[in-house]
Amino acid sequence: MLQPLGARVLIKRKPELTETAGGIIIPETLTEKPMEGIILAIGDEIEKVKKDDKVLFAKFAGVEFLSNEDGQFLIMAESEILGTIT
């Protein structure tokens, strides 16, 4: 697992919705990436959020990267987080 440095956090994005409540399958080209996720790890300069917080962030915030073992993640600065979800 990646350990963020400084004022950065590691986030696992919420899974994309691929089917409606009525059972209609949404094509991948029409789905938008969710703008919320769960914090998996934090850097040593983080003050306002903690591990396992559900957070909301801007659509193009952070840097996406793919881990061979664990899937896709985002790493972003604490300042890019818009708020926590309770």
N, C-alpha and C. Protein backbone atom coordinates (compact mmCIF):
# COMPACT_ATOMS: atom_id res chain seq x y z
N MET A 1 0.85 -1.18 0.00
CA MET A 1 0.00 0.00 0.00
C MET A 1 0.89 1.24 0.00
N LEU A 2 0.50 2.23 -0.74
CA LEU A 2 1.23 3.49 -0.85
C LEU A 2 1.00 4.34 0.39
N GLN A 3 2.04 4.95 0.91
CA GLN A 3 1.92 5.87 2.04
C GLN A 3 2.13 7.29 1.52
N PRO A 4 1.10 8.15 1.56
CA PRO A 4 1.24 9.53 1.08
C PRO A 4 2.22 10.33 1.94
N LEU A 5 2.88 11.29 1.33
CA LEU A 5 3.82 12.17 2.04
C LEU A 5 3.19 13.55 2.24
N GLY A 6 3.63 14.23 3.27
CA GLY A 6 3.20 15.61 3.51
C GLY A 6 1.71 15.72 3.75
N ALA A 7 1.08 16.67 3.08
CA ALA A 7 -0.34 16.96 3.26
C ALA A 7 -1.18 16.30 2.17
N ARG A 8 -0.90 15.04 1.89
CA ARG A 8 -1.64 14.30 0.86
C ARG A 8 -2.36 13.11 1.47
N VAL A 9 -3.43 12.67 0.79
CA VAL A 9 -4.21 11.52 1.25
C VAL A 9 -4.36 10.52 0.11
N LEU A 10 -4.54 9.26 0.46
CA LEU A 10 -4.79 8.18 -0.49
C LEU A 10 -6.27 7.83 -0.38
N ILE A 11 -6.98 7.87 -1.51
CA ILE A 11 -8.43 7.68 -1.52
C ILE A 11 -8.81 6.55 -2.46
N LYS A 12 -9.75 5.72 -2.02
CA LYS A 12 -10.37 4.72 -2.87
C LYS A 12 -11.71 5.29 -3.29
N ARG A 13 -11.87 5.53 -4.61
CA ARG A 13 -13.09 6.14 -5.14
C ARG A 13 -14.27 5.17 -4.99
N LYS A 14 -15.45 5.73 -4.73
CA LYS A 14 -16.68 4.95 -4.65
C LYS A 14 -16.92 4.28 -6.01
N PRO A 15 -17.40 3.04 -6.05
CA PRO A 15 -17.62 2.36 -7.34
C PRO A 15 -18.63 3.10 -8.21
N GLU A 16 -18.41 3.05 -9.52
CA GLU A 16 -19.31 3.71 -10.46
C GLU A 16 -20.63 2.96 -10.56
N LEU A 17 -21.71 3.70 -10.75
CA LEU A 17 -23.03 3.12 -10.94
C LEU A 17 -23.14 2.64 -12.38
N THR A 18 -23.36 1.35 -12.59
CA THR A 18 -23.43 0.81 -13.95
C THR A 18 -24.82 0.31 -14.31
N GLU A 19 -25.75 0.36 -13.35
CA GLU A 19 -27.11 -0.10 -13.61
C GLU A 19 -28.08 0.75 -12.81
N THR A 20 -29.21 1.12 -13.42
CA THR A 20 -30.21 1.92 -12.73
C THR A 20 -31.05 1.03 -11.82
N ALA A 21 -31.88 1.66 -10.99
CA ALA A 21 -32.76 0.91 -10.10
C ALA A 21 -33.73 0.03 -10.87
N GLY A 22 -34.08 0.46 -12.09
CA GLY A 22 -35.00 -0.32 -12.93
C GLY A 22 -34.32 -1.42 -13.72
N GLY A 23 -33.00 -1.56 -13.58
CA GLY A 23 -32.28 -2.64 -14.25
C GLY A 23 -31.66 -2.27 -15.58
N ILE A 24 -31.74 -1.00 -15.98
CA ILE A 24 -31.14 -0.57 -17.24
C ILE A 24 -29.64 -0.42 -17.05
N ILE A 25 -28.87 -1.03 -17.92
CA ILE A 25 -27.41 -0.98 -17.83
C ILE A 25 -26.92 0.30 -18.50
N ILE A 26 -26.10 1.05 -17.79
CA ILE A 26 -25.55 2.31 -18.29
C ILE A 26 -24.21 2.02 -18.96
N PRO A 27 -24.04 2.42 -20.24
CA PRO A 27 -22.75 2.19 -20.90
C PRO A 27 -21.62 2.95 -20.21
N GLU A 28 -20.42 2.40 -20.26
CA GLU A 28 -19.27 2.99 -19.60
C GLU A 28 -18.97 4.39 -20.12
N THR A 29 -19.28 4.65 -21.39
CA THR A 29 -19.00 5.96 -21.97
C THR A 29 -19.92 7.05 -21.42
N LEU A 30 -21.05 6.68 -20.84
CA LEU A 30 -21.99 7.67 -20.31
C LEU A 30 -21.90 7.86 -18.80
N THR A 31 -21.18 7.00 -18.13
CA THR A 31 -21.07 7.12 -16.67
C THR A 31 -20.04 8.17 -16.28
N GLU A 32 -20.34 8.87 -15.20
CA GLU A 32 -19.38 9.83 -14.65
C GLU A 32 -18.71 9.20 -13.45
N LYS A 33 -17.45 9.50 -13.26
CA LYS A 33 -16.74 8.97 -12.10
C LYS A 33 -17.28 9.63 -10.84
N PRO A 34 -17.56 8.82 -9.82
CA PRO A 34 -18.06 9.40 -8.56
C PRO A 34 -17.06 10.38 -7.95
N MET A 35 -17.58 11.40 -7.29
CA MET A 35 -16.74 12.42 -6.68
C MET A 35 -16.65 12.22 -5.17
N GLU A 36 -16.79 10.98 -4.74
CA GLU A 36 -16.65 10.68 -3.32
C GLU A 36 -15.88 9.38 -3.14
N GLY A 37 -15.29 9.25 -1.97
CA GLY A 37 -14.50 8.07 -1.69
C GLY A 37 -14.14 7.97 -0.22
N ILE A 38 -13.34 6.97 0.10
CA ILE A 38 -12.92 6.72 1.48
C ILE A 38 -11.41 6.89 1.59
N ILE A 39 -10.96 7.58 2.62
CA ILE A 39 -9.53 7.79 2.84
C ILE A 39 -8.92 6.50 3.39
N LEU A 40 -7.90 6.00 2.70
CA LEU A 40 -7.22 4.77 3.11
C LEU A 40 -5.94 5.04 3.90
N ALA A 41 -5.25 6.14 3.58
CA ALA A 41 -4.00 6.49 4.26
C ALA A 41 -3.82 8.00 4.20
N ILE A 42 -3.11 8.55 5.19
CA ILE A 42 -2.88 9.99 5.25
C ILE A 42 -1.40 10.27 5.47
N GLY A 43 -0.97 11.44 4.98
CA GLY A 43 0.39 11.89 5.20
C GLY A 43 0.56 12.46 6.61
N ASP A 44 1.78 12.76 6.98
CA ASP A 44 2.07 13.21 8.34
C ASP A 44 1.68 14.66 8.62
N GLU A 45 1.32 15.43 7.61
CA GLU A 45 0.94 16.84 7.81
C GLU A 45 -0.57 17.06 7.74
N ILE A 46 -1.36 15.99 7.73
CA ILE A 46 -2.81 16.10 7.63
C ILE A 46 -3.40 16.51 8.97
N GLU A 47 -4.33 17.50 8.94
CA GLU A 47 -4.92 18.01 10.17
C GLU A 47 -6.43 17.84 10.26
N LYS A 48 -7.15 17.92 9.13
CA LYS A 48 -8.60 18.03 9.19
C LYS A 48 -9.36 16.74 8.89
N VAL A 49 -8.73 15.77 8.27
CA VAL A 49 -9.40 14.50 7.97
C VAL A 49 -8.58 13.36 8.56
N LYS A 50 -9.22 12.19 8.65
CA LYS A 50 -8.52 11.03 9.19
C LYS A 50 -8.83 9.80 8.35
N LYS A 51 -8.13 8.75 8.61
CA LYS A 51 -8.32 7.49 7.90
C LYS A 51 -9.76 7.02 8.08
N ASP A 52 -10.33 6.43 7.03
CA ASP A 52 -11.69 5.89 6.98
C ASP A 52 -12.78 6.95 6.90
N ASP A 53 -12.44 8.24 6.76
CA ASP A 53 -13.44 9.28 6.52
C ASP A 53 -13.97 9.15 5.10
N LYS A 54 -15.29 9.36 4.93
CA LYS A 54 -15.88 9.45 3.59
C LYS A 54 -15.80 10.91 3.19
N VAL A 55 -15.23 11.19 2.01
CA VAL A 55 -15.00 12.56 1.60
C VAL A 55 -15.57 12.84 0.21
N LEU A 56 -15.80 14.12 -0.04
CA LEU A 56 -16.25 14.63 -1.33
C LEU A 56 -15.14 15.47 -1.91
N PHE A 57 -14.86 15.30 -3.21
CA PHE A 57 -13.79 16.05 -3.85
C PHE A 57 -14.24 16.48 -5.24
N ALA A 58 -13.52 17.43 -5.85
CA ALA A 58 -13.85 17.94 -7.17
C ALA A 58 -13.65 16.87 -8.24
N LYS A 59 -14.35 17.03 -9.35
CA LYS A 59 -14.34 16.03 -10.42
C LYS A 59 -12.94 15.71 -10.93
N PHE A 60 -12.09 16.70 -11.09
CA PHE A 60 -10.76 16.47 -11.65
C PHE A 60 -9.65 16.60 -10.60
N ALA A 61 -9.99 16.41 -9.34
CA ALA A 61 -9.01 16.54 -8.26
C ALA A 61 -8.11 15.31 -8.20
N GLY A 62 -6.90 15.52 -7.75
CA GLY A 62 -5.98 14.42 -7.49
C GLY A 62 -5.37 13.78 -8.72
N VAL A 63 -4.57 12.77 -8.45
CA VAL A 63 -3.88 12.01 -9.51
C VAL A 63 -4.32 10.56 -9.38
N GLU A 64 -4.85 10.00 -10.46
CA GLU A 64 -5.26 8.60 -10.44
C GLU A 64 -4.06 7.71 -10.72
N PHE A 65 -4.02 6.56 -10.05
CA PHE A 65 -3.00 5.58 -10.38
C PHE A 65 -3.56 4.19 -10.13
N LEU A 66 -3.01 3.23 -10.83
CA LEU A 66 -3.47 1.86 -10.77
C LEU A 66 -2.45 1.00 -10.06
N SER A 67 -2.89 0.28 -9.05
CA SER A 67 -2.03 -0.65 -8.33
C SER A 67 -2.31 -2.05 -8.85
N ASN A 68 -1.27 -2.79 -9.14
CA ASN A 68 -1.45 -4.14 -9.66
C ASN A 68 -2.19 -5.04 -8.67
N GLU A 69 -2.02 -4.79 -7.39
CA GLU A 69 -2.60 -5.65 -6.38
C GLU A 69 -3.98 -5.20 -5.91
N ASP A 70 -4.17 -3.90 -5.76
CA ASP A 70 -5.37 -3.41 -5.07
C ASP A 70 -6.36 -2.63 -5.92
N GLY A 71 -6.07 -2.34 -7.17
CA GLY A 71 -7.00 -1.60 -8.02
C GLY A 71 -6.61 -0.15 -8.21
N GLN A 72 -7.63 0.68 -8.45
CA GLN A 72 -7.40 2.08 -8.79
C GLN A 72 -7.60 2.99 -7.58
N PHE A 73 -6.71 3.97 -7.42
CA PHE A 73 -6.73 4.89 -6.30
C PHE A 73 -6.52 6.32 -6.77
N LEU A 74 -6.77 7.27 -5.87
CA LEU A 74 -6.47 8.68 -6.08
C LEU A 74 -5.53 9.13 -4.96
N ILE A 75 -4.57 9.96 -5.32
CA ILE A 75 -3.77 10.62 -4.30
C ILE A 75 -3.94 12.12 -4.53
N MET A 76 -4.28 12.84 -3.46
CA MET A 76 -4.55 14.27 -3.61
C MET A 76 -4.16 15.03 -2.36
N ALA A 77 -4.00 16.32 -2.54
CA ALA A 77 -3.68 17.21 -1.41
C ALA A 77 -4.93 17.37 -0.54
N GLU A 78 -4.71 17.57 0.74
CA GLU A 78 -5.82 17.77 1.66
C GLU A 78 -6.68 18.97 1.23
N SER A 79 -6.06 19.97 0.64
CA SER A 79 -6.79 21.17 0.22
C SER A 79 -7.76 20.90 -0.93
N GLU A 80 -7.61 19.79 -1.65
CA GLU A 80 -8.51 19.44 -2.75
C GLU A 80 -9.79 18.76 -2.26
N ILE A 81 -9.83 18.37 -0.99
CA ILE A 81 -11.03 17.75 -0.43
C ILE A 81 -12.03 18.85 -0.09
N LEU A 82 -13.28 18.69 -0.59
CA LEU A 82 -14.30 19.70 -0.38
C LEU A 82 -15.02 19.55 0.95
N GLY A 83 -15.14 18.32 1.45
CA GLY A 83 -15.81 18.11 2.72
C GLY A 83 -15.90 16.64 3.07
N THR A 84 -16.35 16.37 4.28
CA THR A 84 -16.55 14.98 4.72
C THR A 84 -18.04 14.66 4.70
N ILE A 85 -18.33 13.38 4.48
CA ILE A 85 -19.72 12.91 4.42
C ILE A 85 -19.99 12.12 5.71
N THR A 86 -21.05 12.52 6.43
CA THR A 86 -21.35 11.84 7.68
C THR A 86 -22.57 10.96 7.53
